[in-house]
N, C-alpha and C. Protein backbone atom coordinates (compact mmCIF):
# COMPACT_ATOMS: atom_id res chain seq x y z
N UNK A 1 29.41 -1.80 11.45
CA UNK A 1 29.66 -0.43 11.03
C UNK A 1 28.58 -0.02 10.05
N UNK A 2 27.99 1.12 10.28
CA UNK A 2 26.92 1.64 9.43
C UNK A 2 27.48 2.40 8.24
N UNK A 3 26.68 2.43 7.19
CA UNK A 3 27.03 3.24 6.03
C UNK A 3 26.83 4.71 6.38
N UNK A 4 27.61 5.60 5.78
CA UNK A 4 27.37 7.03 6.00
C UNK A 4 25.94 7.38 5.56
N UNK A 5 25.30 8.27 6.29
CA UNK A 5 23.94 8.64 5.97
C UNK A 5 22.90 7.68 6.51
N UNK A 6 23.31 6.83 7.45
CA UNK A 6 22.40 5.88 8.07
C UNK A 6 22.04 6.36 9.47
N UNK A 7 20.75 6.41 9.75
CA UNK A 7 20.25 6.79 11.05
C UNK A 7 20.02 5.51 11.85
N UNK A 8 20.73 5.38 12.96
CA UNK A 8 20.71 4.14 13.74
C UNK A 8 19.78 4.27 14.94
N UNK A 9 18.76 3.42 14.96
CA UNK A 9 17.78 3.38 16.03
C UNK A 9 18.06 2.20 16.95
N UNK A 10 17.70 2.37 18.21
CA UNK A 10 17.70 1.26 19.18
C UNK A 10 16.41 1.36 19.98
N UNK A 11 15.78 0.23 20.20
CA UNK A 11 14.58 0.21 21.01
C UNK A 11 14.86 -0.46 22.35
N UNK A 12 14.35 0.16 23.38
CA UNK A 12 14.45 -0.38 24.73
C UNK A 12 13.05 -0.74 25.23
N UNK A 13 12.11 -0.89 24.30
CA UNK A 13 10.72 -1.15 24.62
C UNK A 13 10.36 -2.61 24.37
N UNK A 14 9.10 -2.93 24.50
CA UNK A 14 8.61 -4.31 24.39
C UNK A 14 8.96 -4.93 23.04
N UNK A 15 9.64 -6.06 23.05
CA UNK A 15 10.06 -6.69 21.79
C UNK A 15 8.91 -7.26 20.97
N UNK A 16 7.76 -7.47 21.57
CA UNK A 16 6.65 -8.07 20.81
C UNK A 16 6.05 -7.11 19.78
N UNK A 17 6.42 -5.83 19.82
CA UNK A 17 5.95 -4.89 18.80
C UNK A 17 7.13 -4.30 18.02
N UNK A 18 8.18 -5.09 17.86
CA UNK A 18 9.37 -4.65 17.13
C UNK A 18 9.02 -4.19 15.71
N UNK A 19 8.07 -4.87 15.08
CA UNK A 19 7.70 -4.48 13.71
C UNK A 19 7.16 -3.06 13.65
N UNK A 20 6.47 -2.62 14.68
CA UNK A 20 6.00 -1.23 14.74
C UNK A 20 7.18 -0.28 14.81
N UNK A 21 8.15 -0.59 15.66
CA UNK A 21 9.34 0.26 15.78
C UNK A 21 10.12 0.29 14.46
N UNK A 22 10.17 -0.84 13.79
CA UNK A 22 10.85 -0.92 12.50
C UNK A 22 10.15 -0.01 11.48
N UNK A 23 8.83 -0.06 11.48
CA UNK A 23 8.05 0.80 10.59
C UNK A 23 8.33 2.27 10.90
N UNK A 24 8.34 2.62 12.18
CA UNK A 24 8.60 4.00 12.58
C UNK A 24 9.97 4.46 12.10
N UNK A 25 10.98 3.63 12.27
CA UNK A 25 12.33 3.98 11.85
C UNK A 25 12.38 4.18 10.33
N UNK A 26 11.76 3.30 9.58
CA UNK A 26 11.74 3.43 8.13
C UNK A 26 11.02 4.71 7.70
N UNK A 27 9.92 5.02 8.35
CA UNK A 27 9.16 6.23 8.03
C UNK A 27 10.00 7.48 8.26
N UNK A 28 10.65 7.56 9.41
CA UNK A 28 11.51 8.71 9.70
C UNK A 28 12.63 8.80 8.66
N UNK A 29 13.23 7.67 8.35
CA UNK A 29 14.31 7.66 7.35
C UNK A 29 13.84 8.15 5.99
N UNK A 30 12.66 7.71 5.58
CA UNK A 30 12.12 8.16 4.29
C UNK A 30 11.90 9.67 4.29
N UNK A 31 11.35 10.20 5.37
CA UNK A 31 11.08 11.64 5.46
C UNK A 31 12.37 12.46 5.46
N UNK A 32 13.44 11.90 6.03
CA UNK A 32 14.72 12.60 6.10
C UNK A 32 15.65 12.27 4.94
N UNK A 33 15.27 11.30 4.12
CA UNK A 33 16.11 10.90 3.01
C UNK A 33 17.34 10.11 3.45
N UNK A 34 17.21 9.35 4.53
CA UNK A 34 18.32 8.57 5.07
C UNK A 34 17.94 7.10 5.15
N UNK A 35 18.91 6.24 5.05
CA UNK A 35 18.65 4.83 5.34
C UNK A 35 18.63 4.67 6.86
N UNK A 36 18.01 3.60 7.31
CA UNK A 36 17.90 3.38 8.75
C UNK A 36 18.28 1.95 9.11
N UNK A 37 18.68 1.82 10.35
CA UNK A 37 18.89 0.50 10.97
C UNK A 37 18.17 0.55 12.30
N UNK A 38 17.65 -0.60 12.73
CA UNK A 38 17.06 -0.66 14.06
C UNK A 38 17.51 -1.94 14.72
N UNK A 39 17.76 -1.84 16.02
CA UNK A 39 18.19 -3.00 16.80
C UNK A 39 17.60 -2.89 18.20
N UNK A 40 17.67 -3.97 18.92
CA UNK A 40 17.27 -3.95 20.32
C UNK A 40 18.42 -3.35 21.11
N UNK A 41 18.13 -2.31 21.87
CA UNK A 41 19.16 -1.67 22.67
C UNK A 41 19.58 -2.54 23.84
N UNK A 42 20.86 -2.50 24.14
CA UNK A 42 21.40 -3.29 25.23
C UNK A 42 21.75 -2.43 26.44
N UNK A 43 22.16 -1.19 26.17
CA UNK A 43 22.59 -0.31 27.24
C UNK A 43 22.49 1.14 26.77
N UNK A 44 22.16 2.04 27.69
CA UNK A 44 22.13 3.45 27.33
C UNK A 44 23.53 3.96 26.99
N UNK A 45 24.55 3.23 27.35
CA UNK A 45 25.92 3.60 26.98
C UNK A 45 26.11 3.62 25.47
N UNK A 46 25.24 2.95 24.74
CA UNK A 46 25.35 2.94 23.29
C UNK A 46 25.23 4.35 22.71
N UNK A 47 24.54 5.25 23.42
CA UNK A 47 24.43 6.64 22.96
C UNK A 47 25.77 7.36 23.11
N UNK A 48 26.38 7.23 24.27
CA UNK A 48 27.66 7.93 24.49
C UNK A 48 28.79 7.33 23.66
N UNK A 49 28.65 6.05 23.29
CA UNK A 49 29.65 5.41 22.43
C UNK A 49 29.34 5.61 20.96
N UNK A 50 28.29 6.38 20.68
CA UNK A 50 27.87 6.71 19.31
C UNK A 50 27.56 5.47 18.47
N UNK A 51 27.00 4.46 19.14
CA UNK A 51 26.57 3.26 18.43
C UNK A 51 25.16 3.40 17.89
N UNK A 52 24.36 4.27 18.49
CA UNK A 52 23.00 4.55 18.03
C UNK A 52 22.76 6.05 18.05
N UNK A 53 21.84 6.48 17.19
CA UNK A 53 21.51 7.90 17.09
C UNK A 53 20.18 8.24 17.75
N UNK A 54 19.22 7.31 17.67
CA UNK A 54 17.87 7.54 18.16
C UNK A 54 17.45 6.37 19.03
N UNK A 55 16.85 6.68 20.17
CA UNK A 55 16.39 5.62 21.05
C UNK A 55 14.89 5.68 21.25
N UNK A 56 14.27 4.54 21.22
CA UNK A 56 12.86 4.41 21.57
C UNK A 56 12.85 3.89 23.00
N UNK A 57 12.52 4.79 23.93
CA UNK A 57 12.67 4.49 25.35
C UNK A 57 11.32 4.59 26.04
């Protein structure tokens, strides 16, 4: 469960550049004044189940 005010990212892209995606999520969070989480996406259903807010697809 995420804290309120947390922007949840999921990546469906190449795992070997996860650090880049993590940097991108942190940058967006800083600009919006929100904390961020990033994880490897498992299914696009995560969007409809409101488990993630932003997808890197």
